[in-house]
């Protein structure tokens, strides 16, 4: 690991799941990129509650998890290394001064340094863990989203994001709805983002995968996040069983 680029939660070797949390931390280097300290506690710096849900699910399943160790403002792990939004200069109206140099973008050398220090080790660790698990691996990424955006409330309690592979996303959306949750189908964001984490480690490997977005007011405290993870686990169990049953049917 390079300078704690990520947190690794070991599994018990009994599960095919790998949990990921790209935006787990609001940690910033000394100087905080010139950001107002109050903003570090907001959604622009990290996905509120997502890390606690990820750890709780990994513990419940005895599955491994990898969590980003630094703020998305330093470098967004859920982007390809060549994505222009990898290092953001402006986030929800706030200028990220440490990502701007003399009114120009952070120079290419600095971006390359951050990729080598934070992005590459995280994605290498994901690849190594998936190689270890093998072809039965299932990738589950946990994120969170704000209850409102630009003054408009977001009705969804959970959003399920996916690209072309619906093996897990379809049964999971059905099971969440069955449990009485308001579910976003590729809302509030689209999962069809070439180069993102699930594209790299799910789509390109042909592994079933899903990104679960949880509304932040439901998981804003550690206890609420733990409770939501406990609520989510049997729903996820049922969806995984549905997926496995469908796979067996296709093979039969």
Protein backbone atom coordinates (compact mmCIF):
# COMPACT_ATOMS: atom_id res chain seq x y z
CA UNK A 1 0.00 0.00 0.00
CA UNK A 2 1.28 3.49 -0.80
CA UNK A 3 0.89 5.94 2.10
CA UNK A 4 -2.41 4.42 3.19
CA UNK A 5 -3.96 5.01 -0.22
CA UNK A 6 -6.81 2.77 0.87
CA UNK A 7 -8.17 0.76 3.77
CA UNK A 8 -8.30 -3.00 3.33
CA UNK A 9 -10.79 -5.04 5.35
CA UNK A 10 -9.86 -8.74 5.15
CA UNK A 11 -12.52 -11.33 4.50
CA UNK A 12 -12.84 -14.78 6.05
CA UNK A 13 -12.28 -16.47 2.72
CA UNK A 14 -15.83 -17.86 2.55
CA UNK A 15 -17.56 -15.40 0.29
CA UNK A 16 -17.35 -14.39 -3.35
CA UNK A 17 -18.37 -10.78 -2.67
CA UNK A 18 -15.99 -7.83 -2.79
CA UNK A 19 -17.26 -4.57 -1.30
CA UNK A 20 -15.84 -1.25 -2.48
CA UNK A 21 -16.22 2.31 -1.21
CA UNK A 22 -14.47 4.80 -3.49
CA UNK A 23 -15.49 7.91 -1.55
CA UNK A 24 -15.08 6.61 2.00
CA UNK A 25 -12.87 9.33 3.44
CA UNK A 26 -12.70 13.12 3.72
CA UNK A 27 -8.99 13.04 4.53
CA UNK A 28 -6.89 15.74 2.87
CA UNK A 29 -3.14 16.48 2.91
CA UNK A 30 -1.69 19.23 5.05
CA UNK A 31 -3.23 22.53 4.01
CA UNK A 32 -6.50 20.87 3.08
CA UNK A 33 -6.23 21.98 -0.58
CA UNK A 34 -7.19 25.44 0.67
CA UNK A 35 -10.71 24.23 1.43
CA UNK A 36 -12.82 25.84 4.16
CA UNK A 37 -12.57 23.29 7.00
CA UNK A 38 -16.36 23.29 7.39
CA UNK A 39 -16.72 21.96 3.86
CA UNK A 40 -14.69 18.87 4.70
CA UNK A 41 -17.69 17.54 6.61
CA UNK A 42 -19.98 17.89 3.60
CA UNK A 43 -20.81 15.73 0.60
CA UNK A 44 -18.28 17.47 -1.63
CA UNK A 45 -15.44 15.84 0.33
CA UNK A 46 -16.80 12.29 0.71
CA UNK A 47 -19.88 10.08 0.61
CA UNK A 48 -21.42 10.54 4.04
CA UNK A 49 -22.26 7.25 5.73
CA UNK A 50 -21.01 5.06 2.90
CA UNK A 51 -17.89 3.81 4.69
CA UNK A 52 -19.86 2.69 7.77
CA UNK A 53 -22.36 0.79 5.61
CA UNK A 54 -19.52 -0.83 3.65
CA UNK A 55 -17.70 -2.00 6.77
CA UNK A 56 -20.93 -3.31 8.31
CA UNK A 57 -21.85 -5.31 5.20
CA UNK A 58 -18.32 -6.69 4.84
CA UNK A 59 -18.42 -7.82 8.47
CA UNK A 60 -21.88 -9.37 8.09
CA UNK A 61 -20.77 -11.39 5.06
CA UNK A 62 -17.22 -12.09 6.19
CA UNK A 63 -16.24 -10.57 2.86
CA UNK A 64 -13.27 -8.38 1.95
CA UNK A 65 -13.68 -4.66 1.40
CA UNK A 66 -11.49 -1.90 0.00
CA UNK A 67 -12.18 1.72 0.95
CA UNK A 68 -10.51 4.82 -0.46
CA UNK A 69 -8.26 6.48 2.10
CA UNK A 70 -8.44 10.08 0.87
CA UNK A 71 -11.02 12.65 -0.13
CA UNK A 72 -12.55 12.63 -3.59
CA UNK A 73 -11.37 16.25 -3.83
CA UNK A 74 -7.76 15.11 -3.87
CA UNK A 75 -8.51 12.61 -6.61
CA UNK A 76 -11.71 10.77 -7.52
CA UNK A 77 -11.11 7.03 -7.36
CA UNK A 78 -14.36 6.39 -9.24
CA UNK A 79 -12.92 7.82 -12.45
CA UNK A 80 -10.55 6.53 -15.07
CA UNK A 81 -7.01 7.87 -14.88
CA UNK A 82 -7.60 9.91 -18.06
CA UNK A 83 -10.98 11.34 -17.00
CA UNK A 84 -11.05 15.17 -17.02
CA UNK A 85 -13.03 15.15 -13.74
CA UNK A 86 -10.42 13.06 -11.93
CA UNK A 87 -9.20 16.18 -10.09
CA UNK A 88 -12.00 18.69 -9.62
CA UNK A 89 -11.39 22.43 -9.53
CA UNK A 90 -14.97 23.28 -8.61
CA UNK A 91 -17.42 21.18 -6.58
CA UNK A 92 -21.01 22.26 -5.92
CA UNK A 93 -20.03 25.91 -6.21
CA UNK A 94 -16.86 25.70 -4.06
CA UNK A 95 -13.46 26.37 -5.63
CA UNK A 96 -10.87 23.77 -4.67
CA UNK A 97 -7.86 26.08 -4.52
CA UNK A 98 -5.30 23.29 -4.17
CA UNK A 99 -6.41 21.88 -7.51
CA UNK A 100 -5.86 25.18 -9.30
CA UNK A 101 -2.47 26.76 -9.90
CA UNK A 102 -2.15 30.39 -11.03
CA UNK A 103 -5.71 30.27 -12.39
CA UNK A 104 -4.82 27.20 -14.44
CA UNK A 105 -5.58 23.53 -13.90
CA UNK A 106 -3.34 21.64 -11.48
CA UNK A 107 -0.42 20.77 -13.73
CA UNK A 108 -0.05 17.39 -15.37
CA UNK A 109 2.88 16.46 -13.14
CA UNK A 110 0.84 16.94 -9.98
CA UNK A 111 -2.07 14.94 -11.38
CA UNK A 112 0.33 12.14 -12.38
CA UNK A 113 1.81 12.14 -8.87
CA UNK A 114 -1.62 11.77 -7.31
CA UNK A 115 -2.54 8.97 -9.71
CA UNK A 116 0.63 7.06 -8.79
CA UNK A 117 0.20 7.69 -5.07
CA UNK A 118 -3.53 7.12 -4.58
CA UNK A 119 -5.39 5.93 -7.69
CA UNK A 120 -3.06 3.22 -9.00
CA UNK A 121 -2.57 1.39 -5.65
CA UNK A 122 -6.32 1.32 -4.96
CA UNK A 123 -7.22 -0.11 -8.35
CA UNK A 124 -4.29 -2.54 -8.24
CA UNK A 125 -5.60 -3.81 -4.90
CA UNK A 126 -9.08 -4.32 -6.37
CA UNK A 127 -7.63 -6.24 -9.31
CA UNK A 128 -5.52 -8.42 -7.01
CA UNK A 129 -8.50 -9.22 -4.77
CA UNK A 130 -10.64 -10.17 -7.75
CA UNK A 131 -7.85 -12.35 -9.11
CA UNK A 132 -7.74 -14.11 -5.74
CA UNK A 133 -11.52 -14.67 -5.57
CA UNK A 134 -11.69 -15.83 -9.18
CA UNK A 135 -14.45 -16.00 -11.76
CA UNK A 136 -17.22 -16.34 -9.15
CA UNK A 137 -16.52 -12.83 -7.79
CA UNK A 138 -19.32 -10.27 -7.41
CA UNK A 139 -18.44 -6.58 -7.04
CA UNK A 140 -20.63 -4.35 -4.87
CA UNK A 141 -19.78 -0.66 -4.58
CA UNK A 142 -21.36 1.54 -1.89
CA UNK A 143 -21.93 5.27 -2.38
CA UNK A 144 -24.30 7.88 -0.95
CA UNK A 145 -26.14 10.91 -2.33
CA UNK A 146 -27.61 14.14 -0.98
CA UNK A 147 -31.35 14.30 -0.15
CA UNK A 148 -31.73 17.31 -2.47
CA UNK A 149 -29.81 18.77 -5.39
CA UNK A 150 -30.00 22.42 -6.45
CA UNK A 151 -33.08 22.87 -4.29
CA UNK A 152 -34.97 19.87 -5.67
CA UNK A 153 -35.70 16.97 -3.29
CA UNK A 154 -34.63 13.53 -4.43
CA UNK A 155 -37.40 11.00 -3.81
CA UNK A 156 -35.28 7.86 -3.96
CA UNK A 157 -34.08 6.22 -0.77
CA UNK A 158 -31.71 3.97 -2.68
CA UNK A 159 -30.39 4.22 -6.22
CA UNK A 160 -29.11 1.22 -8.16
CA UNK A 161 -26.55 2.06 -10.82
CA UNK A 162 -25.43 -0.26 -13.59
CA UNK A 163 -24.10 -0.26 -17.14
CA UNK A 164 -24.93 -3.14 -19.50
CA UNK A 165 -24.89 -5.99 -17.00
CA UNK A 166 -28.22 -6.32 -15.15
CA UNK A 167 -27.66 -9.75 -13.59
CA UNK A 168 -27.57 -8.26 -10.08
CA UNK A 169 -29.06 -4.80 -10.56
CA UNK A 170 -32.43 -6.06 -11.84
CA UNK A 171 -33.20 -8.49 -9.00
CA UNK A 172 -31.81 -6.06 -6.44
CA UNK A 173 -34.11 -3.25 -7.60
CA UNK A 174 -37.07 -5.63 -7.48
CA UNK A 175 -36.21 -6.82 -3.97
CA UNK A 176 -35.68 -3.28 -2.67
CA UNK A 177 -39.04 -2.20 -4.04
CA UNK A 178 -40.64 -5.30 -2.53
CA UNK A 179 -39.19 -4.22 0.83
CA UNK A 180 -40.99 -0.89 0.52
CA UNK A 181 -38.08 1.32 -0.49
CA UNK A 182 -38.28 4.00 -3.16
CA UNK A 183 -35.68 2.85 -5.68
CA UNK A 184 -33.91 4.81 -8.40
CA UNK A 185 -33.19 2.92 -11.63
CA UNK A 186 -29.87 4.46 -12.65
CA UNK A 187 -30.87 7.43 -10.50
CA UNK A 188 -29.76 9.87 -9.22
CA UNK A 189 -26.79 9.12 -11.50
CA UNK A 190 -26.15 6.82 -14.42
CA UNK A 191 -23.94 3.77 -14.00
CA UNK A 192 -22.93 3.89 -17.66
CA UNK A 193 -19.66 5.75 -17.08
CA UNK A 194 -16.82 4.33 -19.11
CA UNK A 195 -13.64 4.12 -17.07
CA UNK A 196 -15.25 4.22 -13.62
CA UNK A 197 -14.55 1.62 -10.94
CA UNK A 198 -17.28 -0.82 -11.94
CA UNK A 199 -16.47 -0.46 -15.63
CA UNK A 200 -12.83 -1.32 -14.96
CA UNK A 201 -13.40 -4.18 -12.54
CA UNK A 202 -16.88 -5.41 -13.42
CA UNK A 203 -17.72 -4.73 -17.05
CA UNK A 204 -14.27 -5.41 -18.47
CA UNK A 205 -13.92 -8.63 -16.44
CA UNK A 206 -17.45 -9.80 -17.20
CA UNK A 207 -18.27 -10.01 -13.47
CA UNK A 208 -21.69 -9.27 -11.98
CA UNK A 209 -21.59 -5.93 -10.24
CA UNK A 210 -23.72 -3.13 -8.90
CA UNK A 211 -23.32 0.32 -7.39
CA UNK A 212 -25.67 1.00 -4.48
CA UNK A 213 -26.36 4.68 -3.77
CA UNK A 214 -28.00 5.40 -0.39
CA UNK A 215 -29.61 8.73 0.49
CA UNK A 216 -27.44 10.41 3.09
CA UNK A 217 -30.16 11.35 5.56
CA UNK A 218 -30.77 7.62 6.07
CA UNK A 219 -27.16 6.86 7.06
CA UNK A 220 -25.78 10.15 8.41
CA UNK A 221 -24.90 8.74 11.85
CA UNK A 222 -22.93 5.60 12.57
CA UNK A 223 -25.91 3.95 14.26
CA UNK A 224 -28.19 4.80 11.34
CA UNK A 225 -25.63 3.39 8.90
CA UNK A 226 -25.36 0.17 10.93
CA UNK A 227 -29.14 -0.16 11.02
CA UNK A 228 -29.45 0.42 7.28
CA UNK A 229 -26.77 -2.18 6.55
CA UNK A 230 -28.69 -4.70 8.66
CA UNK A 231 -31.85 -3.85 6.73
CA UNK A 232 -30.03 -4.13 3.41
CA UNK A 233 -28.35 -7.49 3.99
CA UNK A 234 -31.41 -9.79 3.68
CA UNK A 235 -32.53 -7.82 0.63
CA UNK A 236 -29.11 -8.30 -0.93
CA UNK A 237 -29.15 -11.98 0.06
CA UNK A 238 -32.44 -12.45 -1.81
CA UNK A 239 -31.18 -10.61 -4.90
CA UNK A 240 -27.98 -12.68 -4.97
CA UNK A 241 -30.06 -15.84 -4.69
CA UNK A 242 -32.26 -14.62 -7.54
CA UNK A 243 -29.19 -13.96 -9.65
CA UNK A 244 -27.73 -17.37 -8.87
CA UNK A 245 -31.02 -19.07 -9.69
CA UNK A 246 -31.24 -17.24 -13.01
CA UNK A 247 -27.66 -18.26 -13.82
CA UNK A 248 -28.42 -21.90 -13.05
CA UNK A 249 -31.53 -21.73 -15.25
CA UNK A 250 -29.53 -20.31 -18.16
CA UNK A 251 -26.87 -22.99 -17.78
CA UNK A 252 -29.53 -25.69 -17.58
